[in-house]
Structure formats: structure tokens, C-alpha cells
């Protein structure tokens, strides 16, 4: 990545730091590129782009490797690249979004809705207790039940479907099984309490 940014044909000549911030890698909800010189931002926007091979595929692998069944993986990645020293990768379990000077969200930079959060949890599922409060707030506000990791079956349960989960996330190569709520009410009833009851 350093060569692609700061090499002889790189796009970051003259900069002392390049920062890429990605929110929700699974859904590519938001990506912001920024270039700094002596601590001041000198450029931002879509012209600061790495190739798929240099950054996107690498972040995909980082996202997957960080996953722990039931615990999830990171939500926001901040990649710092320098011309003269090793870079940094900072990972967060929350969204790091920035507003423009007029207070508005940047294009594509508004907070995730329940659909984006559900997609993240479907691919990298968490148990109820490991879904962050800010995600629960989104699900409650929109009245949506999220995908939940079921440790008993090592699966993700959502919309009356159960899919197997491996150390790399949900295995979509296997057809989901149908959950009969009458025979398997446990997870579904607990989710209802989380969504519509008080959370301790």
C-alpha cells in the first residue's frame, strides 16, 4: 500500500500521512480517504483510492481474521499509511463518522440503519450480549429483529432460518434450515425481550 500511495507513480506525493476510514466493511457503508501534510488535512475524497488488491481485499481478510464466533468483528477500520515508516491499523466496535463543516453528513457517511447492521451481523454474527447497545438502539427504533449467534447450534438464527457459522463467519454455501418457533422458542423469545423489554 505504501508503494501505491507514495511510490514514483503514487497519488499521495507531498503528503506526510494518508488515512483511510472504513465503516462496516461487510456492507461498504462508508469509506473516507484523507491526505495530511504536517498534521493538516490537505485533500480528501474519491481521488484518494487504492486498488482492490492493495486495500479492499486486505481489509476483507483482516475483517474475517478478527472474527470470533459469538463475539463479532470490528465495525470501523482506520488505516494510517506513511511514506517513511510502517503504517498503523486501528479497529473499533463502533462507527467513526465525520460531519461536514455545515453539520451535514458527508455523502454515504450517515449512520447505519437496521439493514446495514443486520447484514454485518448476518455475516459475522454475535450473541445477544455482544451486540453493542448502539446497534440495539437502531434495531429497537426500526422494530427489526437482528440476526443472532446461537452457541448451542453454532449457527446464526434470523427470520426463522438457521445457518452454520465457522471461525470465518457464516457459511453461506450451506442451505439454511427452517426454525420451528413452537419447537425452538428460546432464542426468538429472548430477542423479543431485548428489543421490546427493558435491557439490564
Protein backbone atom coordinates (compact mmCIF):
# COMPACT_ATOMS: atom_id res chain seq x y z
CA UNK A 1 0.00 0.00 0.00
CA UNK A 2 2.84 2.39 0.78
CA UNK A 3 4.25 1.95 -2.73
CA UNK A 4 0.85 2.52 -4.31
CA UNK A 5 0.36 5.73 -2.34
CA UNK A 6 3.88 7.17 -2.12
CA UNK A 7 5.79 5.38 -4.89
CA UNK A 8 7.06 7.00 -8.08
CA UNK A 9 3.58 6.91 -9.64
CA UNK A 10 1.64 7.17 -6.38
CA UNK A 11 -1.27 9.51 -5.72
CA UNK A 12 -0.07 10.87 -2.35
CA UNK A 13 3.14 12.72 -3.26
CA UNK A 14 3.92 15.52 -0.85
CA UNK A 15 1.79 14.15 1.93
CA UNK A 16 3.13 13.06 5.31
CA UNK A 17 0.20 10.74 6.07
CA UNK A 18 -2.69 9.09 4.29
CA UNK A 19 -5.73 7.99 6.31
CA UNK A 20 -8.49 5.72 5.12
CA UNK A 21 -11.52 5.22 7.35
CA UNK A 22 -13.92 2.43 6.53
CA UNK A 23 -17.18 1.79 8.38
CA UNK A 24 -18.93 -1.59 8.09
CA UNK A 25 -16.59 -3.39 5.70
CA UNK A 26 -19.24 -6.04 5.06
CA UNK A 27 -21.66 -3.53 3.58
CA UNK A 28 -19.14 -0.86 2.49
CA UNK A 29 -21.36 1.64 4.27
CA UNK A 30 -18.80 4.42 4.29
CA UNK A 31 -15.25 4.98 3.08
CA UNK A 32 -13.34 8.21 3.55
CA UNK A 33 -9.86 8.95 2.26
CA UNK A 34 -7.84 11.85 3.68
CA UNK A 35 -4.37 13.18 3.00
CA UNK A 36 -2.37 15.12 5.60
CA UNK A 37 0.71 17.32 5.48
CA UNK A 38 2.27 18.28 8.83
CA UNK A 39 -0.90 17.40 10.70
CA UNK A 40 -3.24 19.40 8.45
CA UNK A 41 -5.67 17.84 6.05
CA UNK A 42 -4.79 18.88 2.51
CA UNK A 43 -7.09 16.70 0.46
CA UNK A 44 -9.93 14.26 0.86
CA UNK A 45 -12.30 12.40 -1.39
CA UNK A 46 -12.71 9.76 -4.04
CA UNK A 47 -9.45 10.59 -5.83
CA UNK A 48 -7.59 9.02 -2.89
CA UNK A 49 -8.21 5.45 -3.95
CA UNK A 50 -6.21 2.30 -3.53
CA UNK A 51 -6.71 -0.65 -5.82
CA UNK A 52 -8.90 -3.53 -4.68
CA UNK A 53 -5.81 -5.67 -4.20
CA UNK A 54 -3.94 -3.09 -2.14
CA UNK A 55 -6.57 -2.19 0.42
CA UNK A 56 -10.03 -3.70 -0.03
CA UNK A 57 -9.01 -7.34 -0.24
CA UNK A 58 -6.53 -6.87 2.59
CA UNK A 59 -9.22 -5.32 4.80
CA UNK A 60 -11.58 -8.17 3.92
CA UNK A 61 -9.04 -10.64 5.23
CA UNK A 62 -8.42 -8.53 8.35
CA UNK A 63 -12.17 -8.36 8.94
CA UNK A 64 -12.53 -12.12 8.66
CA UNK A 65 -9.44 -12.96 10.72
CA UNK A 66 -10.63 -10.70 13.54
CA UNK A 67 -13.96 -12.55 13.79
CA UNK A 68 -14.66 -14.65 16.88
CA UNK A 69 -17.89 -16.71 16.80
CA UNK A 70 -20.45 -15.04 19.01
CA UNK A 71 -18.21 -12.03 19.69
CA UNK A 72 -18.19 -10.47 16.23
CA UNK A 73 -15.54 -8.42 14.46
CA UNK A 74 -14.69 -4.75 14.08
CA UNK A 75 -17.07 -2.16 12.68
CA UNK A 76 -14.67 0.65 11.75
CA UNK A 77 -11.10 0.40 10.48
CA UNK A 78 -8.70 3.33 10.34
CA UNK A 79 -5.68 2.70 8.14
CA UNK A 80 -2.77 5.14 8.53
CA UNK A 81 -0.05 4.98 5.84
CA UNK A 82 3.20 6.94 5.98
CA UNK A 83 5.90 7.44 3.33
CA UNK A 84 8.80 6.72 5.66
CA UNK A 85 7.68 4.27 8.37
CA UNK A 86 5.34 1.32 8.97
CA UNK A 87 1.63 2.05 8.88
CA UNK A 88 -1.00 1.59 11.58
CA UNK A 89 -4.33 -0.22 11.67
CA UNK A 90 -6.79 0.89 14.34
CA UNK A 91 -10.00 -1.10 14.79
CA UNK A 92 -13.20 -0.05 16.60
CA UNK A 93 -16.51 -1.66 17.57
CA UNK A 94 -18.42 1.49 16.76
CA UNK A 95 -18.95 3.76 13.79
CA UNK A 96 -16.48 6.61 13.35
CA UNK A 97 -18.25 9.14 11.18
CA UNK A 98 -17.49 12.77 10.49
CA UNK A 99 -19.79 15.66 9.61
CA UNK A 100 -19.06 18.40 7.09
CA UNK A 101 -18.48 21.98 8.30
CA UNK A 102 -22.19 22.73 7.78
CA UNK A 103 -23.17 19.92 10.17
CA UNK A 104 -24.45 17.62 7.44
CA UNK A 105 -23.23 14.06 6.95
CA UNK A 106 -20.84 13.54 4.06
CA UNK A 107 -22.35 11.63 1.10
CA UNK A 108 -22.51 7.97 2.09
CA UNK A 109 -21.37 8.87 5.61
CA UNK A 110 -24.62 8.86 7.57
CA UNK A 111 -25.05 6.37 10.43
CA UNK A 112 -26.05 2.83 9.55
CA UNK A 113 -29.65 1.72 9.63
CA UNK A 114 -31.00 -1.65 10.74
CA UNK A 115 -30.45 -3.14 7.27
CA UNK A 116 -26.70 -2.40 7.32
CA UNK A 117 -26.37 -3.61 10.92
CA UNK A 118 -28.30 -6.79 10.11
CA UNK A 119 -26.06 -7.52 7.15
CA UNK A 120 -22.99 -7.11 9.33
CA UNK A 121 -24.43 -9.45 11.98
CA UNK A 122 -25.61 -11.99 9.44
CA UNK A 123 -22.09 -12.39 8.04
CA UNK A 124 -20.28 -12.10 11.39
CA UNK A 125 -22.92 -13.00 14.00
CA UNK A 126 -22.82 -12.17 17.70
CA UNK A 127 -24.69 -13.42 20.73
CA UNK A 128 -27.30 -11.06 22.16
CA UNK A 129 -24.94 -9.87 24.89
CA UNK A 130 -22.19 -8.98 22.41
CA UNK A 131 -24.33 -6.82 20.14
CA UNK A 132 -23.38 -3.23 21.08
CA UNK A 133 -26.00 -1.03 22.71
CA UNK A 134 -25.89 1.41 19.79
CA UNK A 135 -26.92 -1.41 17.43
CA UNK A 136 -29.73 -2.49 19.79
CA UNK A 137 -30.98 1.11 19.78
CA UNK A 138 -31.13 1.06 15.97
CA UNK A 139 -33.00 -2.26 15.92
CA UNK A 140 -35.49 -1.07 18.55
CA UNK A 141 -36.11 2.22 16.76
CA UNK A 142 -36.81 0.44 13.48
CA UNK A 143 -38.63 -2.53 15.06
CA UNK A 144 -36.32 -5.09 13.48
CA UNK A 145 -35.10 -8.35 14.99
CA UNK A 146 -31.36 -8.80 14.32
CA UNK A 147 -29.50 -11.98 13.34
CA UNK A 148 -28.27 -13.73 16.50
CA UNK A 149 -25.45 -16.19 17.06
CA UNK A 150 -26.77 -19.39 18.65
CA UNK A 151 -23.90 -21.09 20.55
CA UNK A 152 -25.93 -24.28 21.05
CA UNK A 153 -26.04 -24.96 17.30
CA UNK A 154 -23.00 -22.83 16.28
CA UNK A 155 -25.33 -21.03 13.93
CA UNK A 156 -26.81 -17.66 13.12
CA UNK A 157 -30.59 -17.54 13.57
CA UNK A 158 -32.63 -14.97 11.68
CA UNK A 159 -36.05 -14.75 10.04
CA UNK A 160 -36.85 -18.35 11.10
CA UNK A 161 -33.72 -19.59 9.35
CA UNK A 162 -30.58 -21.13 10.81
CA UNK A 163 -27.22 -21.06 9.04
CA UNK A 164 -23.96 -22.68 10.24
CA UNK A 165 -21.16 -20.43 11.47
CA UNK A 166 -17.44 -21.19 11.26
CA UNK A 167 -14.40 -19.35 12.62
CA UNK A 168 -14.54 -17.20 9.47
CA UNK A 169 -18.20 -16.21 9.80
CA UNK A 170 -21.44 -17.55 8.38
CA UNK A 171 -21.18 -20.38 5.87
CA UNK A 172 -23.46 -19.33 3.03
CA UNK A 173 -22.58 -22.41 0.97
CA UNK A 174 -24.97 -24.46 3.14
CA UNK A 175 -28.72 -24.13 2.67
CA UNK A 176 -30.36 -22.70 5.81
CA UNK A 177 -32.71 -24.84 7.86
CA UNK A 178 -36.14 -23.60 8.89
CA UNK A 179 -36.65 -22.93 12.59
CA UNK A 180 -39.99 -24.01 14.04
CA UNK A 181 -40.70 -21.44 16.80
CA UNK A 182 -43.04 -23.90 18.51
CA UNK A 183 -40.21 -26.40 18.90
CA UNK A 184 -37.34 -23.95 19.35
CA UNK A 185 -38.67 -20.83 21.11
CA UNK A 186 -35.65 -19.95 23.24
CA UNK A 187 -33.63 -17.55 21.12
CA UNK A 188 -36.65 -15.95 19.48
CA UNK A 189 -38.38 -15.15 22.78
CA UNK A 190 -35.17 -13.76 24.32
CA UNK A 191 -34.65 -11.47 21.34
CA UNK A 192 -38.18 -10.14 21.78
CA UNK A 193 -37.38 -9.23 25.39
CA UNK A 194 -34.18 -7.47 24.33
CA UNK A 195 -35.98 -5.47 21.69
CA UNK A 196 -39.18 -4.56 23.45
CA UNK A 197 -38.44 -5.10 27.15
CA UNK A 198 -36.04 -3.19 29.35
CA UNK A 199 -32.39 -4.03 28.88
CA UNK A 200 -30.48 -4.54 32.13
